[in-house]
Amino acid sequence: MDLASIGGIILALVGILGGMMIEGGNPVEIMKPTAAMIVIGGTAGACMLQFPLSIFIAACKDIVKVFLHKGHDGEAIVQQIVGFANIARKSGIVSLDAELKNIHDPFLKQALMLAVDGTESSEVRKIMELELSNKSEIEEKIPAVFEAAGGYSPTVGIIGAVMGLIQVMKNLSDIDEVGRGIATAFVATIYGVAIANLICLPAAAKLKFRHREHTMIQEMMIEGVISILEGMNPRMIETKLRTFLFDSKAPEASAESA
């Protein structure tokens, strides 16, 4: 679980609802299903109009990644590539063919297969960077859905508020009903602003961060395989690959270099 995301949303809700209760408000007063229906339905409809259905559905599925995320173990990948470099240095690049079955990441496996098959390092880089670029272009559209939703939801909330005020105008003769109606009408605005600033926009930023993190790991894989092809010393490869890691540790003294 992503503790920052879960803790952040809890802290935001506690702060807002807690402040409301301190001022004498009741959280039940803003729990209006009709207001939520207007804002969520209107925002989702606008996003479906802007994006292809496949991208919209993919974005709905990826919201889980904001709170639950299993990223790459960069340290383990560095050690795996360094291990491949040691094997290739001793027995040749073709000897890595036996190691392909132990690679679980399809991107790294494809890059190493190209290397084992005798592809030039420049061609390996070109092929893998092209694949990375194409995948990135698709994945970058997912956060754009949430950014769009963050722009639409406050406006849809205003639409909901105006719709509520229209209903209020029908009961101007009853001042008590007018007061309750106005309060209810503005709940839609609260939903719109809250969904935009507490969910959609932060989710878009977090997914962008996840995407960049994943891209950097794949760039590291490309550099690792190219370095093996070029015959670079395993210890130098390890030092080079650690520059891609956010929480890089010092190279182990036991790292083997032939």
C-alpha atoms as a PDB file:
ATOM      1  CA  MET A   1       0.000   0.000   0.000  1.00  0.00           C
ATOM      2  CA  ASP A   2       1.085   3.569  -0.663  1.00  0.00           C
ATOM      3  CA  LEU A   3       0.995   5.013   2.851  1.00  0.00           C
ATOM      4  CA  ALA A   4       1.494   8.567   1.575  1.00  0.00           C
ATOM      5  CA  SER A   5      -1.647   8.398  -0.590  1.00  0.00           C
ATOM      6  CA  ILE A   6      -3.794   6.688   2.043  1.00  0.00           C
ATOM      7  CA  GLY A   7      -2.531   8.917   4.843  1.00  0.00           C
ATOM      8  CA  GLY A   8      -2.930  12.017   2.692  1.00  0.00           C
ATOM      9  CA  ILE A   9      -6.588  11.422   1.861  1.00  0.00           C
ATOM     10  CA  ILE A  10      -7.362  10.556   5.495  1.00  0.00           C
ATOM     11  CA  LEU A  11      -5.573  13.669   6.752  1.00  0.00           C
ATOM     12  CA  ALA A  12      -7.417  15.861   4.241  1.00  0.00           C
ATOM     13  CA  LEU A  13     -10.820  14.456   5.220  1.00  0.00           C
ATOM     14  CA  VAL A  14     -10.088  14.683   8.949  1.00  0.00           C
ATOM     15  CA  GLY A  15      -8.915  18.264   8.570  1.00  0.00           C
ATOM     16  CA  ILE A  16     -11.937  19.395   6.562  1.00  0.00           C
ATOM     17  CA  LEU A  17     -14.628  17.504   8.471  1.00  0.00           C
ATOM     18  CA  GLY A  18     -12.946  18.186  11.807  1.00  0.00           C
ATOM     19  CA  GLY A  19     -12.863  21.907  11.101  1.00  0.00           C
ATOM     20  CA  MET A  20     -16.514  21.801  10.091  1.00  0.00           C
ATOM     21  CA  MET A  21     -17.488  20.076  13.333  1.00  0.00           C
ATOM     22  CA  ILE A  22     -15.478  22.530  15.435  1.00  0.00           C
ATOM     23  CA  GLU A  23     -17.509  25.325  13.856  1.00  0.00           C
ATOM     24  CA  GLY A  24     -20.704  23.538  14.857  1.00  0.00           C
ATOM     25  CA  GLY A  25     -21.442  21.840  11.559  1.00  0.00           C
ATOM     26  CA  ASN A  26     -22.547  18.276  11.027  1.00  0.00           C
ATOM     27  CA  PRO A  27     -20.872  16.094   8.365  1.00  0.00           C
ATOM     28  CA  VAL A  28     -24.267  14.547   7.629  1.00  0.00           C
ATOM     29  CA  GLU A  29     -25.336  17.894   6.195  1.00  0.00           C
ATOM     30  CA  ILE A  30     -23.014  17.498   3.205  1.00  0.00           C
ATOM     31  CA  MET A  31     -23.855  13.850   2.516  1.00  0.00           C
ATOM     32  CA  LYS A  32     -26.289  14.407  -0.331  1.00  0.00           C
ATOM     33  CA  PRO A  33     -26.450  11.497  -2.819  1.00  0.00           C
ATOM     34  CA  THR A  34     -28.110  13.658  -5.471  1.00  0.00           C
ATOM     35  CA  ALA A  35     -25.279  16.205  -5.383  1.00  0.00           C
ATOM     36  CA  ALA A  36     -22.692  13.430  -5.660  1.00  0.00           C
ATOM     37  CA  MET A  37     -24.634  11.900  -8.566  1.00  0.00           C
ATOM     38  CA  ILE A  38     -24.689  15.184 -10.452  1.00  0.00           C
ATOM     39  CA  VAL A  39     -20.973  15.907  -9.967  1.00  0.00           C
ATOM     40  CA  ILE A  40     -19.618  12.391 -10.515  1.00  0.00           C
ATOM     41  CA  GLY A  41     -21.952  11.612 -13.396  1.00  0.00           C
ATOM     42  CA  GLY A  42     -21.406  14.946 -15.109  1.00  0.00           C
ATOM     43  CA  THR A  43     -17.632  14.804 -14.718  1.00  0.00           C
ATOM     44  CA  ALA A  44     -17.413  11.209 -15.951  1.00  0.00           C
ATOM     45  CA  GLY A  45     -19.591  12.052 -18.952  1.00  0.00           C
ATOM     46  CA  ALA A  46     -17.427  15.021 -19.894  1.00  0.00           C
ATOM     47  CA  CYS A  47     -14.267  12.893 -19.667  1.00  0.00           C
ATOM     48  CA  MET A  48     -15.824  10.172 -21.813  1.00  0.00           C
ATOM     49  CA  LEU A  49     -16.630  12.810 -24.402  1.00  0.00           C
ATOM     50  CA  GLN A  50     -13.026  14.049 -24.394  1.00  0.00           C
ATOM     51  CA  PHE A  51     -11.172  10.702 -24.368  1.00  0.00           C
ATOM     52  CA  PRO A  52     -11.586   7.375 -26.198  1.00  0.00           C
ATOM     53  CA  LEU A  53     -13.492   4.812 -24.162  1.00  0.00           C
ATOM     54  CA  SER A  54     -10.445   2.534 -23.852  1.00  0.00           C
ATOM     55  CA  ILE A  55      -8.389   5.339 -22.265  1.00  0.00           C
ATOM     56  CA  PHE A  56     -11.236   6.282 -19.913  1.00  0.00           C
ATOM     57  CA  ILE A  57     -11.668   2.668 -18.741  1.00  0.00           C
ATOM     58  CA  ALA A  58      -7.893   2.290 -18.303  1.00  0.00           C
ATOM     59  CA  ALA A  59      -7.861   5.441 -16.160  1.00  0.00           C
ATOM     60  CA  CYS A  60     -10.683   4.094 -13.965  1.00  0.00           C
ATOM     61  CA  LYS A  61      -8.660   0.916 -13.405  1.00  0.00           C
ATOM     62  CA  ASP A  62      -5.423   2.777 -12.716  1.00  0.00           C
ATOM     63  CA  ILE A  63      -6.910   4.785  -9.841  1.00  0.00           C
ATOM     64  CA  VAL A  64      -6.065   1.738  -7.721  1.00  0.00           C
ATOM     65  CA  LYS A  65      -2.358   2.364  -8.423  1.00  0.00           C
ATOM     66  CA  VAL A  66      -2.580   5.607  -6.470  1.00  0.00           C
ATOM     67  CA  PHE A  67      -3.238   3.659  -3.257  1.00  0.00           C
ATOM     68  CA  LEU A  68      -1.831   0.208  -4.080  1.00  0.00           C
ATOM     69  CA  HIS A  69       1.450   0.057  -5.956  1.00  0.00           C
ATOM     70  CA  LYS A  70       4.101  -2.600  -6.438  1.00  0.00           C
ATOM     71  CA  GLY A  71       7.035  -0.896  -8.091  1.00  0.00           C
ATOM     72  CA  HIS A  72      10.240  -2.337  -9.475  1.00  0.00           C
ATOM     73  CA  ASP A  73      12.985  -3.247  -7.036  1.00  0.00           C
ATOM     74  CA  GLY A  74      15.666  -1.101  -8.643  1.00  0.00           C
ATOM     75  CA  GLU A  75      18.406  -2.461  -6.398  1.00  0.00           C
ATOM     76  CA  ALA A  76      17.578  -6.053  -7.349  1.00  0.00           C
ATOM     77  CA  ILE A  77      17.545  -5.175 -11.052  1.00  0.00           C
ATOM     78  CA  VAL A  78      20.971  -3.513 -10.767  1.00  0.00           C
ATOM     79  CA  GLN A  79      22.397  -6.619  -9.105  1.00  0.00           C
ATOM     80  CA  GLN A  80      20.798  -8.855 -11.731  1.00  0.00           C
ATOM     81  CA  ILE A  81      22.299  -6.856 -14.611  1.00  0.00           C
ATOM     82  CA  VAL A  82      25.714  -6.777 -12.915  1.00  0.00           C
ATOM     83  CA  GLY A  83      25.468 -10.538 -12.555  1.00  0.00           C
ATOM     84  CA  PHE A  84      24.780 -10.822 -16.281  1.00  0.00           C
ATOM     85  CA  ALA A  85      27.777  -8.574 -16.952  1.00  0.00           C
ATOM     86  CA  ASN A  86      30.052 -10.880 -14.941  1.00  0.00           C
ATOM     87  CA  ILE A  87      28.780 -13.944 -16.809  1.00  0.00           C
ATOM     88  CA  ALA A  88      29.192 -12.244 -20.202  1.00  0.00           C
ATOM     89  CA  ARG A  89      32.696 -11.057 -19.283  1.00  0.00           C
ATOM     90  CA  LYS A  90      33.789 -14.602 -18.428  1.00  0.00           C
ATOM     91  CA  SER A  91      31.865 -16.727 -20.939  1.00  0.00           C
ATOM     92  CA  GLY A  92      30.714 -14.330 -23.654  1.00  0.00           C
ATOM     93  CA  ILE A  93      27.397 -12.632 -24.390  1.00  0.00           C
ATOM     94  CA  VAL A  94      25.918 -15.811 -25.921  1.00  0.00           C
ATOM     95  CA  SER A  95      26.177 -17.554 -22.547  1.00  0.00           C
ATOM     96  CA  LEU A  96      23.401 -15.278 -21.271  1.00  0.00           C
ATOM     97  CA  ASP A  97      20.917 -17.272 -23.337  1.00  0.00           C
ATOM     98  CA  ALA A  98      20.668 -19.720 -20.424  1.00  0.00           C
ATOM     99  CA  GLU A  99      19.779 -16.839 -18.074  1.00  0.00           C
ATOM    100  CA  LEU A 100      16.765 -15.606 -20.062  1.00  0.00           C
ATOM    101  CA  LYS A 101      14.411 -18.010 -18.285  1.00  0.00           C
ATOM    102  CA  ASN A 102      15.251 -16.324 -14.955  1.00  0.00           C
ATOM    103  CA  ILE A 103      14.199 -12.842 -16.135  1.00  0.00           C
ATOM    104  CA  HIS A 104      10.646 -11.913 -15.132  1.00  0.00           C
ATOM    105  CA  ASP A 105      10.522  -8.385 -16.548  1.00  0.00           C
ATOM    106  CA  PRO A 106       9.500  -8.610 -20.240  1.00  0.00           C
ATOM    107  CA  PHE A 107      11.265  -5.362 -21.173  1.00  0.00           C
ATOM    108  CA  LEU A 108      14.629  -6.475 -19.794  1.00  0.00           C
ATOM    109  CA  LYS A 109      14.145  -9.940 -21.274  1.00  0.00           C
ATOM    110  CA  GLN A 110      13.495  -8.526 -24.739  1.00  0.00           C
ATOM    111  CA  ALA A 111      16.550  -6.258 -24.585  1.00  0.00           C
ATOM    112  CA  LEU A 112      18.798  -9.111 -23.474  1.00  0.00           C
ATOM    113  CA  MET A 113      17.374 -11.434 -26.157  1.00  0.00           C
ATOM    114  CA  LEU A 114      18.338  -8.886 -28.813  1.00  0.00           C
ATOM    115  CA  ALA A 115      21.823  -8.708 -27.338  1.00  0.00           C
ATOM    116  CA  VAL A 116      22.222 -12.499 -27.228  1.00  0.00           C
ATOM    117  CA  ASP A 117      21.028 -12.746 -30.843  1.00  0.00           C
ATOM    118  CA  GLY A 118      23.992 -10.636 -31.937  1.00  0.00           C
ATOM    119  CA  THR A 119      22.199  -7.327 -32.532  1.00  0.00           C
ATOM    120  CA  GLU A 120      24.479  -4.296 -32.619  1.00  0.00           C
ATOM    121  CA  SER A 121      24.352  -2.113 -29.509  1.00  0.00           C
ATOM    122  CA  SER A 122      23.119   0.887 -31.518  1.00  0.00           C
ATOM    123  CA  GLU A 123      20.252  -1.174 -32.927  1.00  0.00           C
ATOM    124  CA  VAL A 124      19.347  -2.566 -29.507  1.00  0.00           C
ATOM    125  CA  ARG A 125      19.161   0.973 -28.161  1.00  0.00           C
ATOM    126  CA  LYS A 126      17.091   2.169 -31.107  1.00  0.00           C
ATOM    127  CA  ILE A 127      14.582  -0.713 -30.878  1.00  0.00           C
ATOM    128  CA  MET A 128      14.139  -0.558 -27.095  1.00  0.00           C
ATOM    129  CA  GLU A 129      13.909   3.243 -26.966  1.00  0.00           C
ATOM    130  CA  LEU A 130      11.264   3.138 -29.715  1.00  0.00           C
ATOM    131  CA  GLU A 131       9.225   0.643 -27.700  1.00  0.00           C
ATOM    132  CA  LEU A 132       9.672   2.711 -24.560  1.00  0.00           C
ATOM    133  CA  SER A 133       8.595   5.883 -26.382  1.00  0.00           C
ATOM    134  CA  ASN A 134       5.470   4.256 -27.814  1.00  0.00           C
ATOM    135  CA  LYS A 135       4.412   2.806 -24.463  1.00  0.00           C
ATOM    136  CA  SER A 136       5.069   6.108 -22.721  1.00  0.00           C
ATOM    137  CA  GLU A 137       2.857   7.979 -25.156  1.00  0.00           C
ATOM    138  CA  ILE A 138      -0.067   5.711 -24.272  1.00  0.00           C
ATOM    139  CA  GLU A 139       0.600   5.696 -20.517  1.00  0.00           C
ATOM    140  CA  GLU A 140       0.836   9.493 -20.388  1.00  0.00           C
ATOM    141  CA  LYS A 141      -2.816   9.733 -21.443  1.00  0.00           C
ATOM    142  CA  ILE A 142      -3.993   8.124 -18.195  1.00  0.00           C
ATOM    143  CA  PRO A 143      -3.027  11.049 -15.906  1.00  0.00           C
ATOM    144  CA  ALA A 144      -4.523  13.411 -18.508  1.00  0.00           C
ATOM    145  CA  VAL A 145      -7.960  11.886 -17.808  1.00  0.00           C
ATOM    146  CA  PHE A 146      -7.709  12.807 -14.125  1.00  0.00           C
ATOM    147  CA  GLU A 147      -6.387  16.271 -14.942  1.00  0.00           C
ATOM    148  CA  ALA A 148      -9.398  16.814 -17.193  1.00  0.00           C
ATOM    149  CA  ALA A 149     -11.730  15.521 -14.481  1.00  0.00           C
ATOM    150  CA  GLY A 150     -10.121  17.952 -12.041  1.00  0.00           C
ATOM    151  CA  GLY A 151     -11.000  20.786 -14.403  1.00  0.00           C
ATOM    152  CA  TYR A 152     -14.571  19.677 -15.100  1.00  0.00           C
ATOM    153  CA  SER A 153     -15.795  18.707 -11.622  1.00  0.00           C
ATOM    154  CA  PRO A 154     -15.857  22.222 -10.044  1.00  0.00           C
ATOM    155  CA  THR A 155     -17.823  23.528 -13.026  1.00  0.00           C
ATOM    156  CA  VAL A 156     -20.241  20.608 -12.856  1.00  0.00           C
ATOM    157  CA  GLY A 157     -20.583  21.352  -9.143  1.00  0.00           C
ATOM    158  CA  ILE A 158     -21.655  24.904 -10.002  1.00  0.00           C
ATOM    159  CA  ILE A 159     -24.209  23.483 -12.438  1.00  0.00           C
ATOM    160  CA  GLY A 160     -25.564  21.342  -9.602  1.00  0.00           C
ATOM    161  CA  ALA A 161     -25.737  24.380  -7.318  1.00  0.00           C
ATOM    162  CA  VAL A 162     -27.649  26.402  -9.919  1.00  0.00           C
ATOM    163  CA  MET A 163     -30.052  23.506 -10.447  1.00  0.00           C
ATOM    164  CA  GLY A 164     -30.643  23.429  -6.700  1.00  0.00           C
ATOM    165  CA  LEU A 165     -31.268  27.170  -6.603  1.00  0.00           C
ATOM    166  CA  ILE A 166     -33.846  26.803  -9.354  1.00  0.00           C
ATOM    167  CA  GLN A 167     -35.732  24.416  -7.106  1.00  0.00           C
ATOM    168  CA  VAL A 168     -35.364  26.879  -4.203  1.00  0.00           C
ATOM    169  CA  MET A 169     -37.023  29.615  -6.236  1.00  0.00           C
ATOM    170  CA  LYS A 170     -40.160  27.523  -6.403  1.00  0.00           C
ATOM    171  CA  ASN A 171     -40.537  27.721  -2.601  1.00  0.00           C
ATOM    172  CA  LEU A 172     -39.878  31.398  -1.916  1.00  0.00           C
ATOM    173  CA  SER A 173     -43.059  31.632   0.113  1.00  0.00           C
ATOM    174  CA  ASP A 174     -41.608  29.313   2.786  1.00  0.00           C
ATOM    175  CA  ILE A 175     -38.497  30.962   4.226  1.00  0.00           C
ATOM    176  CA  ASP A 176     -37.471  27.825   6.151  1.00  0.00           C
ATOM    177  CA  GLU A 177     -37.513  25.746   2.978  1.00  0.00           C
ATOM    178  CA  VAL A 178     -35.544  28.446   1.177  1.00  0.00           C
ATOM    179  CA  GLY A 179     -32.763  28.310   3.781  1.00  0.00           C
ATOM    180  CA  ARG A 180     -32.523  24.535   3.687  1.00  0.00           C
ATOM    181  CA  GLY A 181     -32.697  24.519  -0.106  1.00  0.00           C
ATOM    182  CA  ILE A 182     -29.844  27.004  -0.502  1.00  0.00           C
ATOM    183  CA  ALA A 183     -27.665  24.984   1.863  1.00  0.00           C
ATOM    184  CA  THR A 184     -28.385  21.814  -0.082  1.00  0.00           C
ATOM    185  CA  ALA A 185     -27.752  23.539  -3.414  1.00  0.00           C
ATOM    186  CA  PHE A 186     -24.214  24.536  -2.473  1.00  0.00           C
ATOM    187  CA  VAL A 187     -23.329  20.993  -1.433  1.00  0.00           C
ATOM    188  CA  ALA A 188     -22.843  20.191  -5.125  1.00  0.00           C
ATOM    189  CA  THR A 189     -20.183  22.922  -5.313  1.00  0.00           C
ATOM    190  CA  ILE A 190     -18.415  21.373  -2.336  1.00  0.00           C
ATOM    191  CA  TYR A 191     -18.435  17.968  -4.036  1.00  0.00           C
ATOM    192  CA  GLY A 192     -17.081  19.431  -7.264  1.00  0.00           C
ATOM    193  CA  VAL A 193     -14.204  21.311  -5.650  1.00  0.00           C
ATOM    194  CA  ALA A 194     -13.389  18.455  -3.255  1.00  0.00           C
ATOM    195  CA  ILE A 195     -13.305  15.788  -5.974  1.00  0.00           C
ATOM    196  CA  ALA A 196     -11.034  17.981  -8.099  1.00  0.00           C
ATOM    197  CA  ASN A 197      -8.556  18.995  -5.402  1.00  0.00           C
ATOM    198  CA  LEU A 198      -8.586  15.972  -3.092  1.00  0.00           C
ATOM    199  CA  ILE A 199      -8.816  13.165  -5.653  1.00  0.00           C
ATOM    200  CA  CYS A 200      -8.453  13.952  -9.361  1.00  0.00           C
ATOM    201  CA  LEU A 201      -5.551  16.407  -9.486  1.00  0.00           C
ATOM    202  CA  PRO A 202      -3.449  14.656  -6.804  1.00  0.00           C
ATOM    203  CA  ALA A 203      -4.137  11.289  -8.480  1.00  0.00           C
ATOM    204  CA  ALA A 204      -2.956  12.678 -11.829  1.00  0.00           C
ATOM    205  CA  ALA A 205       0.268  13.942 -10.246  1.00  0.00           C
ATOM    206  CA  LYS A 206       0.894  10.621  -8.457  1.00  0.00           C
ATOM    207  CA  LEU A 207       0.319   8.604 -11.639  1.00  0.00           C
ATOM    208  CA  LYS A 208       2.739  10.881 -13.511  1.00  0.00           C
ATOM    209  CA  PHE A 209       5.316  10.191 -10.821  1.00  0.00           C
ATOM    210  CA  ARG A 210       4.679   6.429 -11.069  1.00  0.00           C
ATOM    211  CA  HIS A 211       5.044   6.580 -14.844  1.00  0.00           C
ATOM    212  CA  ARG A 212       8.328   8.500 -14.673  1.00  0.00           C
ATOM    213  CA  GLU A 213       9.651   6.100 -12.034  1.00  0.00           C
ATOM    214  CA  HIS A 214       8.809   3.125 -14.265  1.00  0.00           C
ATOM    215  CA  THR A 215      10.345   4.818 -17.311  1.00  0.00           C
ATOM    216  CA  MET A 216      13.615   5.484 -15.477  1.00  0.00           C
ATOM    217  CA  ILE A 217      13.885   1.819 -14.478  1.00  0.00           C
ATOM    218  CA  GLN A 218      13.400   0.790 -18.109  1.00  0.00           C
ATOM    219  CA  GLU A 219      15.985   3.355 -19.245  1.00  0.00           C
ATOM    220  CA  MET A 220      18.326   1.817 -16.704  1.00  0.00           C
ATOM    221  CA  MET A 221      17.689  -1.632 -18.201  1.00  0.00           C
ATOM    222  CA  ILE A 222      18.570  -0.342 -21.673  1.00  0.00           C
ATOM    223  CA  GLU A 223      21.802   1.221 -20.428  1.00  0.00           C
ATOM    224  CA  GLY A 224      22.688  -1.969 -18.578  1.00  0.00           C
ATOM    225  CA  VAL A 225      22.261  -4.215 -21.602  1.00  0.00           C
ATOM    226  CA  ILE A 226      24.121  -1.784 -23.892  1.00  0.00           C
ATOM    227  CA  SER A 227      26.983  -1.600 -21.390  1.00  0.00           C
ATOM    228  CA  ILE A 228      27.222  -5.400 -21.334  1.00  0.00           C
ATOM    229  CA  LEU A 229      27.321  -5.461 -25.139  1.00  0.00           C
ATOM    230  CA  GLU A 230      30.090  -2.867 -25.154  1.00  0.00           C
ATOM    231  CA  GLY A 231      32.146  -4.934 -22.697  1.00  0.00           C
ATOM    232  CA  MET A 232      32.138  -2.435 -19.860  1.00  0.00           C
ATOM    233  CA  ASN A 233      33.599  -3.537 -16.533  1.00  0.00           C
ATOM    234  CA  PRO A 234      30.837  -4.896 -14.219  1.00  0.00           C
ATOM    235  CA  ARG A 235      31.816  -2.547 -11.385  1.00  0.00           C
ATOM    236  CA  MET A 236      31.560   0.435 -13.750  1.00  0.00           C
ATOM    237  CA  ILE A 237      28.168  -0.828 -14.942  1.00  0.00           C
ATOM    238  CA  GLU A 238      26.952  -0.989 -11.355  1.00  0.00           C
ATOM    239  CA  THR A 239      28.112   2.566 -10.659  1.00  0.00           C
ATOM    240  CA  LYS A 240      26.506   3.773 -13.876  1.00  0.00           C
ATOM    241  CA  LEU A 241      23.143   2.096 -13.207  1.00  0.00           C
ATOM    242  CA  ARG A 242      22.914   3.388  -9.640  1.00  0.00           C
ATOM    243  CA  THR A 243      22.602   6.922 -11.007  1.00  0.00           C
ATOM    244  CA  PHE A 244      19.081   5.942 -12.105  1.00  0.00           C
ATOM    245  CA  LEU A 245      17.976   4.989  -8.590  1.00  0.00           C
ATOM    246  CA  PHE A 246      16.299   7.496  -6.314  1.00  0.00           C
ATOM    247  CA  ASP A 247      17.542   5.781  -3.136  1.00  0.00           C
ATOM    248  CA  SER A 248      20.870   4.565  -4.469  1.00  0.00           C
ATOM    249  CA  LYS A 249      23.220   2.829  -2.055  1.00  0.00           C
ATOM    250  CA  ALA A 250      26.973   2.622  -2.269  1.00  0.00           C
ATOM    251  CA  PRO A 251      28.240  -0.315  -4.353  1.00  0.00           C
ATOM    252  CA  GLU A 252      28.914  -3.409  -2.294  1.00  0.00           C
ATOM    253  CA  ALA A 253      32.555  -4.184  -1.735  1.00  0.00           C
ATOM    254  CA  SER A 254      31.823  -7.784  -2.605  1.00  0.00           C
ATOM    255  CA  ALA A 255      30.650  -6.883  -6.112  1.00  0.00           C
ATOM    256  CA  GLU A 256      32.556  -9.137  -8.458  1.00  0.00           C
ATOM    257  CA  SER A 257      34.657  -7.674 -11.240  1.00  0.00           C
ATOM    258  CA  ALA A 258      36.776  -9.807 -13.457  1.00  0.00           C
END
